Amino acid sequence: MHSFPSRMFRWAAIYGVVVLTPLYLTPLPPMMGETLFGFIGLALVFQAVFWVIGGDPVKYRALMPIAVAEKLVFAVPALGLFAQGYPVPPPVAVFAGIDALLALGFFIAWRRTPLTRG
């Protein structure tokens, strides 16, 4: 087994479940609560995708760039808005930074995973 890619994706999946699940218990905003719940749910589904990728990185290598994109679609806008002075809470900016680092880790894992076994 290719240890770095496997560990990268498995640890990211565990981290994601730990961080995302409690969000279901936070107070809902006055509007668009369904959007928040949809975001949390979709992000949790992706933790399962990360777990599967970690189980067989060579087989699921083609999903790795999609995993990079999944991390960047939150990290880039959140960090960009934060940098422009938009009222992004600092803890959200920290989590966006972690997602940016996970995107980098996923990219490195993709580069280190061979195209085929052998």
N, C-alpha and C. Protein backbone atom coordinates (compact mmCIF):
# COMPACT_ATOMS: atom_id res chain seq x y z
N MET A 1 0.85 -1.19 0.00
CA MET A 1 0.00 0.00 0.00
C MET A 1 0.88 1.24 0.00
N HIS A 2 0.42 2.27 -0.62
CA HIS A 2 1.14 3.54 -0.67
C HIS A 2 0.77 4.33 0.56
N SER A 3 1.68 4.35 1.51
CA SER A 3 1.33 4.81 2.85
C SER A 3 0.97 6.29 2.94
N PHE A 4 1.73 7.19 2.30
CA PHE A 4 1.39 8.61 2.44
C PHE A 4 0.00 8.92 1.88
N PRO A 5 -0.30 8.55 0.62
CA PRO A 5 -1.63 8.85 0.11
C PRO A 5 -2.75 8.23 0.95
N SER A 6 -2.54 7.00 1.36
CA SER A 6 -3.57 6.34 2.17
C SER A 6 -3.80 7.08 3.48
N ARG A 7 -2.72 7.38 4.17
CA ARG A 7 -2.84 8.10 5.45
C ARG A 7 -3.40 9.49 5.26
N MET A 8 -2.97 10.18 4.21
CA MET A 8 -3.44 11.54 3.95
C MET A 8 -4.96 11.57 3.84
N PHE A 9 -5.50 10.68 3.03
CA PHE A 9 -6.94 10.68 2.81
C PHE A 9 -7.71 10.13 4.01
N ARG A 10 -7.19 9.12 4.65
CA ARG A 10 -7.91 8.56 5.81
C ARG A 10 -7.94 9.55 6.97
N TRP A 11 -6.80 10.21 7.26
CA TRP A 11 -6.78 11.19 8.34
C TRP A 11 -7.65 12.39 8.00
N ALA A 12 -7.66 12.81 6.75
CA ALA A 12 -8.52 13.92 6.34
C ALA A 12 -9.99 13.57 6.54
N ALA A 13 -10.36 12.32 6.25
CA ALA A 13 -11.74 11.89 6.44
C ALA A 13 -12.13 11.93 7.91
N ILE A 14 -11.26 11.44 8.76
CA ILE A 14 -11.54 11.45 10.21
C ILE A 14 -11.65 12.89 10.70
N TYR A 15 -10.70 13.72 10.32
CA TYR A 15 -10.73 15.14 10.71
C TYR A 15 -12.04 15.78 10.26
N GLY A 16 -12.43 15.54 9.03
CA GLY A 16 -13.64 16.14 8.48
C GLY A 16 -14.89 15.76 9.25
N VAL A 17 -15.01 14.49 9.59
CA VAL A 17 -16.18 14.04 10.35
C VAL A 17 -16.20 14.70 11.72
N VAL A 18 -15.04 14.76 12.36
CA VAL A 18 -14.95 15.37 13.70
C VAL A 18 -15.31 16.86 13.66
N VAL A 19 -14.88 17.56 12.62
CA VAL A 19 -15.12 19.00 12.53
C VAL A 19 -16.53 19.32 12.04
N LEU A 20 -17.04 18.54 11.10
CA LEU A 20 -18.32 18.87 10.47
C LEU A 20 -19.54 18.44 11.28
N THR A 21 -19.49 17.29 11.88
CA THR A 21 -20.68 16.76 12.57
C THR A 21 -21.24 17.72 13.62
N PRO A 22 -20.42 18.35 14.46
CA PRO A 22 -20.99 19.28 15.45
C PRO A 22 -21.70 20.49 14.84
N LEU A 23 -21.44 20.79 13.58
CA LEU A 23 -22.11 21.93 12.95
C LEU A 23 -23.62 21.73 12.87
N TYR A 24 -24.07 20.46 12.88
CA TYR A 24 -25.51 20.20 12.90
C TYR A 24 -26.16 20.70 14.19
N LEU A 25 -25.37 20.93 15.22
CA LEU A 25 -25.90 21.34 16.51
C LEU A 25 -25.81 22.85 16.74
N THR A 26 -25.22 23.58 15.82
CA THR A 26 -25.09 25.03 15.99
C THR A 26 -26.42 25.70 15.64
N PRO A 27 -26.67 26.86 16.22
CA PRO A 27 -27.91 27.58 15.89
C PRO A 27 -27.97 27.92 14.39
N LEU A 28 -29.14 27.78 13.82
CA LEU A 28 -29.31 28.09 12.41
C LEU A 28 -29.39 29.60 12.19
N PRO A 29 -28.90 30.07 11.06
CA PRO A 29 -29.08 31.49 10.74
C PRO A 29 -30.57 31.75 10.50
N PRO A 30 -30.99 33.01 10.56
CA PRO A 30 -32.40 33.31 10.38
C PRO A 30 -32.95 32.91 9.01
N MET A 31 -32.08 32.85 8.01
CA MET A 31 -32.50 32.44 6.67
C MET A 31 -31.48 31.46 6.10
N MET A 32 -31.92 30.64 5.19
CA MET A 32 -31.08 29.72 4.43
C MET A 32 -30.45 28.63 5.29
N GLY A 33 -31.15 28.20 6.33
CA GLY A 33 -30.67 27.09 7.14
C GLY A 33 -30.53 25.82 6.33
N GLU A 34 -31.43 25.64 5.35
CA GLU A 34 -31.36 24.45 4.49
C GLU A 34 -30.07 24.44 3.68
N THR A 35 -29.58 25.62 3.31
CA THR A 35 -28.31 25.70 2.58
C THR A 35 -27.15 25.28 3.48
N LEU A 36 -27.18 25.73 4.71
CA LEU A 36 -26.15 25.33 5.67
C LEU A 36 -26.17 23.82 5.88
N PHE A 37 -27.36 23.27 6.11
CA PHE A 37 -27.46 21.82 6.30
C PHE A 37 -27.02 21.06 5.05
N GLY A 38 -27.35 21.61 3.88
CA GLY A 38 -26.91 20.97 2.63
C GLY A 38 -25.40 20.98 2.49
N PHE A 39 -24.78 22.11 2.86
CA PHE A 39 -23.31 22.20 2.83
C PHE A 39 -22.69 21.18 3.77
N ILE A 40 -23.20 21.12 4.99
CA ILE A 40 -22.65 20.17 5.97
C ILE A 40 -22.81 18.74 5.47
N GLY A 41 -24.00 18.42 4.98
CA GLY A 41 -24.27 17.06 4.51
C GLY A 41 -23.38 16.67 3.34
N LEU A 42 -23.25 17.56 2.38
CA LEU A 42 -22.41 17.26 1.22
C LEU A 42 -20.95 17.10 1.63
N ALA A 43 -20.50 17.98 2.52
CA ALA A 43 -19.12 17.87 2.99
C ALA A 43 -18.91 16.55 3.73
N LEU A 44 -19.91 16.11 4.50
CA LEU A 44 -19.78 14.82 5.19
C LEU A 44 -19.74 13.65 4.20
N VAL A 45 -20.52 13.74 3.14
CA VAL A 45 -20.48 12.70 2.11
C VAL A 45 -19.07 12.61 1.53
N PHE A 46 -18.44 13.74 1.31
CA PHE A 46 -17.08 13.72 0.77
C PHE A 46 -16.09 13.08 1.73
N GLN A 47 -16.36 13.09 3.02
CA GLN A 47 -15.45 12.42 3.95
C GLN A 47 -15.45 10.91 3.67
N ALA A 48 -16.62 10.39 3.28
CA ALA A 48 -16.69 8.97 2.89
C ALA A 48 -15.89 8.73 1.62
N VAL A 49 -15.94 9.68 0.68
CA VAL A 49 -15.15 9.56 -0.55
C VAL A 49 -13.66 9.54 -0.21
N PHE A 50 -13.24 10.42 0.71
CA PHE A 50 -11.84 10.45 1.12
C PHE A 50 -11.43 9.12 1.74
N TRP A 51 -12.31 8.55 2.56
CA TRP A 51 -12.03 7.27 3.20
C TRP A 51 -11.83 6.17 2.15
N VAL A 52 -12.70 6.16 1.14
CA VAL A 52 -12.59 5.16 0.07
C VAL A 52 -11.29 5.34 -0.70
N ILE A 53 -10.95 6.57 -1.05
CA ILE A 53 -9.69 6.84 -1.75
C ILE A 53 -8.52 6.32 -0.92
N GLY A 54 -8.54 6.60 0.37
CA GLY A 54 -7.46 6.14 1.25
C GLY A 54 -7.34 4.64 1.33
N GLY A 55 -8.43 3.93 1.08
CA GLY A 55 -8.39 2.47 1.12
C GLY A 55 -7.67 1.86 -0.07
N ASP A 56 -7.65 2.54 -1.20
CA ASP A 56 -6.98 2.03 -2.40
C ASP A 56 -6.61 3.21 -3.30
N PRO A 57 -5.54 3.93 -2.92
CA PRO A 57 -5.17 5.14 -3.67
C PRO A 57 -4.91 4.91 -5.16
N VAL A 58 -4.34 3.79 -5.53
CA VAL A 58 -4.07 3.56 -6.95
C VAL A 58 -5.38 3.42 -7.72
N LYS A 59 -6.28 2.64 -7.18
CA LYS A 59 -7.58 2.42 -7.84
C LYS A 59 -8.37 3.71 -7.98
N TYR A 60 -8.32 4.56 -6.97
CA TYR A 60 -9.14 5.77 -6.95
C TYR A 60 -8.33 7.04 -7.21
N ARG A 61 -7.18 6.89 -7.84
CA ARG A 61 -6.31 8.03 -8.12
C ARG A 61 -7.03 9.11 -8.92
N ALA A 62 -7.90 8.72 -9.83
CA ALA A 62 -8.61 9.69 -10.67
C ALA A 62 -9.51 10.62 -9.85
N LEU A 63 -9.90 10.22 -8.65
CA LEU A 63 -10.73 11.06 -7.80
C LEU A 63 -9.93 12.09 -7.01
N MET A 64 -8.63 11.92 -6.96
CA MET A 64 -7.81 12.81 -6.13
C MET A 64 -7.86 14.27 -6.57
N PRO A 65 -7.78 14.60 -7.87
CA PRO A 65 -7.91 16.02 -8.24
C PRO A 65 -9.29 16.58 -7.87
N ILE A 66 -10.32 15.75 -7.90
CA ILE A 66 -11.65 16.20 -7.48
C ILE A 66 -11.63 16.50 -5.98
N ALA A 67 -10.91 15.69 -5.23
CA ALA A 67 -10.78 15.94 -3.79
C ALA A 67 -10.05 17.26 -3.53
N VAL A 68 -9.04 17.56 -4.34
CA VAL A 68 -8.34 18.84 -4.22
C VAL A 68 -9.34 19.98 -4.45
N ALA A 69 -10.15 19.85 -5.50
CA ALA A 69 -11.15 20.88 -5.80
C ALA A 69 -12.15 21.03 -4.66
N GLU A 70 -12.56 19.92 -4.05
CA GLU A 70 -13.52 19.97 -2.95
C GLU A 70 -12.98 20.83 -1.81
N LYS A 71 -11.71 20.73 -1.55
CA LYS A 71 -11.11 21.54 -0.49
C LYS A 71 -10.98 23.00 -0.91
N LEU A 72 -10.64 23.24 -2.15
CA LEU A 72 -10.40 24.61 -2.61
C LEU A 72 -11.67 25.43 -2.78
N VAL A 73 -12.82 24.78 -3.06
CA VAL A 73 -14.05 25.56 -3.27
C VAL A 73 -14.51 26.25 -1.99
N PHE A 74 -14.04 25.80 -0.85
CA PHE A 74 -14.31 26.51 0.40
C PHE A 74 -13.13 27.39 0.79
N ALA A 75 -11.93 26.84 0.71
CA ALA A 75 -10.75 27.55 1.21
C ALA A 75 -10.49 28.85 0.46
N VAL A 76 -10.52 28.82 -0.86
CA VAL A 76 -10.16 30.00 -1.64
C VAL A 76 -11.14 31.16 -1.41
N PRO A 77 -12.46 30.94 -1.55
CA PRO A 77 -13.35 32.09 -1.31
C PRO A 77 -13.31 32.58 0.14
N ALA A 78 -13.28 31.66 1.09
CA ALA A 78 -13.28 32.08 2.50
C ALA A 78 -12.02 32.89 2.83
N LEU A 79 -10.87 32.41 2.39
CA LEU A 79 -9.62 33.14 2.67
C LEU A 79 -9.55 34.44 1.87
N GLY A 80 -10.05 34.41 0.64
CA GLY A 80 -10.06 35.64 -0.16
C GLY A 80 -10.94 36.71 0.45
N LEU A 81 -12.13 36.33 0.90
CA LEU A 81 -13.03 37.29 1.54
C LEU A 81 -12.43 37.80 2.85
N PHE A 82 -11.83 36.90 3.62
CA PHE A 82 -11.20 37.29 4.88
C PHE A 82 -10.09 38.31 4.61
N ALA A 83 -9.28 38.06 3.60
CA ALA A 83 -8.17 38.95 3.26
C ALA A 83 -8.66 40.33 2.81
N GLN A 84 -9.86 40.38 2.24
CA GLN A 84 -10.42 41.65 1.77
C GLN A 84 -11.18 42.39 2.87
N GLY A 85 -11.21 41.83 4.08
CA GLY A 85 -11.88 42.50 5.18
C GLY A 85 -13.34 42.17 5.33
N TYR A 86 -13.84 41.25 4.52
CA TYR A 86 -15.23 40.80 4.67
C TYR A 86 -15.36 40.14 6.04
N PRO A 87 -16.52 40.25 6.67
CA PRO A 87 -16.63 39.72 8.05
C PRO A 87 -16.67 38.19 8.14
N VAL A 88 -15.60 37.55 7.71
CA VAL A 88 -15.42 36.10 7.90
C VAL A 88 -14.86 35.92 9.30
N PRO A 89 -15.56 35.19 10.17
CA PRO A 89 -15.03 35.00 11.52
C PRO A 89 -13.64 34.35 11.49
N PRO A 90 -12.73 34.81 12.34
CA PRO A 90 -11.38 34.23 12.34
C PRO A 90 -11.35 32.71 12.45
N PRO A 91 -12.21 32.06 13.27
CA PRO A 91 -12.15 30.59 13.29
C PRO A 91 -12.49 29.97 11.93
N VAL A 92 -13.39 30.60 11.18
CA VAL A 92 -13.72 30.09 9.85
C VAL A 92 -12.51 30.23 8.94
N ALA A 93 -11.79 31.34 9.05
CA ALA A 93 -10.59 31.53 8.25
C ALA A 93 -9.53 30.47 8.59
N VAL A 94 -9.44 30.10 9.86
CA VAL A 94 -8.50 29.04 10.28
C VAL A 94 -8.88 27.72 9.61
N PHE A 95 -10.16 27.37 9.65
CA PHE A 95 -10.60 26.12 9.02
C PHE A 95 -10.40 26.17 7.51
N ALA A 96 -10.58 27.34 6.91
CA ALA A 96 -10.31 27.49 5.48
C ALA A 96 -8.82 27.28 5.19
N GLY A 97 -7.97 27.78 6.08
CA GLY A 97 -6.54 27.55 5.93
C GLY A 97 -6.18 26.08 6.03
N ILE A 98 -6.82 25.39 6.95
CA ILE A 98 -6.60 23.94 7.08
C ILE A 98 -7.04 23.24 5.81
N ASP A 99 -8.19 23.64 5.24
CA ASP A 99 -8.63 23.03 3.99
C ASP A 99 -7.64 23.31 2.86
N ALA A 100 -7.05 24.49 2.83
CA ALA A 100 -6.04 24.79 1.81
C ALA A 100 -4.83 23.85 1.97
N LEU A 101 -4.43 23.62 3.21
CA LEU A 101 -3.32 22.68 3.45
C LEU A 101 -3.70 21.26 3.07
N LEU A 102 -4.94 20.87 3.36
CA LEU A 102 -5.40 19.53 2.95
C LEU A 102 -5.41 19.41 1.43
N ALA A 103 -5.81 20.48 0.73
CA ALA A 103 -5.78 20.46 -0.73
C ALA A 103 -4.35 20.22 -1.23
N LEU A 104 -3.40 20.89 -0.61
CA LEU A 104 -2.00 20.68 -0.97
C LEU A 104 -1.58 19.23 -0.68
N GLY A 105 -1.96 18.71 0.48
CA GLY A 105 -1.65 17.32 0.81
C GLY A 105 -2.28 16.35 -0.17
N PHE A 106 -3.52 16.61 -0.58
CA PHE A 106 -4.18 15.74 -1.57
C PHE A 106 -3.44 15.80 -2.91
N PHE A 107 -2.99 17.00 -3.28
CA PHE A 107 -2.25 17.14 -4.54
C PHE A 107 -0.95 16.35 -4.49
N ILE A 108 -0.24 16.47 -3.37
CA ILE A 108 1.01 15.71 -3.21
C ILE A 108 0.73 14.21 -3.24
N ALA A 109 -0.34 13.80 -2.57
CA ALA A 109 -0.71 12.38 -2.58
C ALA A 109 -1.00 11.91 -4.00
N TRP A 110 -1.69 12.73 -4.77
CA TRP A 110 -1.99 12.39 -6.17
C TRP A 110 -0.71 12.22 -6.97
N ARG A 111 0.23 13.15 -6.78
CA ARG A 111 1.49 13.07 -7.51
C ARG A 111 2.32 11.84 -7.11
N ARG A 112 2.20 11.42 -5.87
CA ARG A 112 2.99 10.28 -5.37
C ARG A 112 2.33 8.94 -5.66
N THR A 113 1.08 8.95 -6.09
CA THR A 113 0.38 7.69 -6.35
C THR A 113 0.63 7.27 -7.78
N PRO A 114 1.13 6.04 -7.98
CA PRO A 114 1.38 5.59 -9.34
C PRO A 114 0.09 5.40 -10.13
N LEU A 115 0.22 5.46 -11.45
CA LEU A 115 -0.94 5.28 -12.31
C LEU A 115 -1.48 3.85 -12.25
N THR A 116 -0.58 2.90 -12.09
CA THR A 116 -0.99 1.49 -12.02
C THR A 116 -0.19 0.80 -10.93
N ARG A 117 -0.65 -0.36 -10.55
CA ARG A 117 0.06 -1.17 -9.56
C ARG A 117 1.30 -1.78 -10.21
N GLY A 118 2.29 -1.98 -9.39
CA GLY A 118 3.42 -2.70 -9.92
C GLY A 118 4.67 -2.00 -9.74
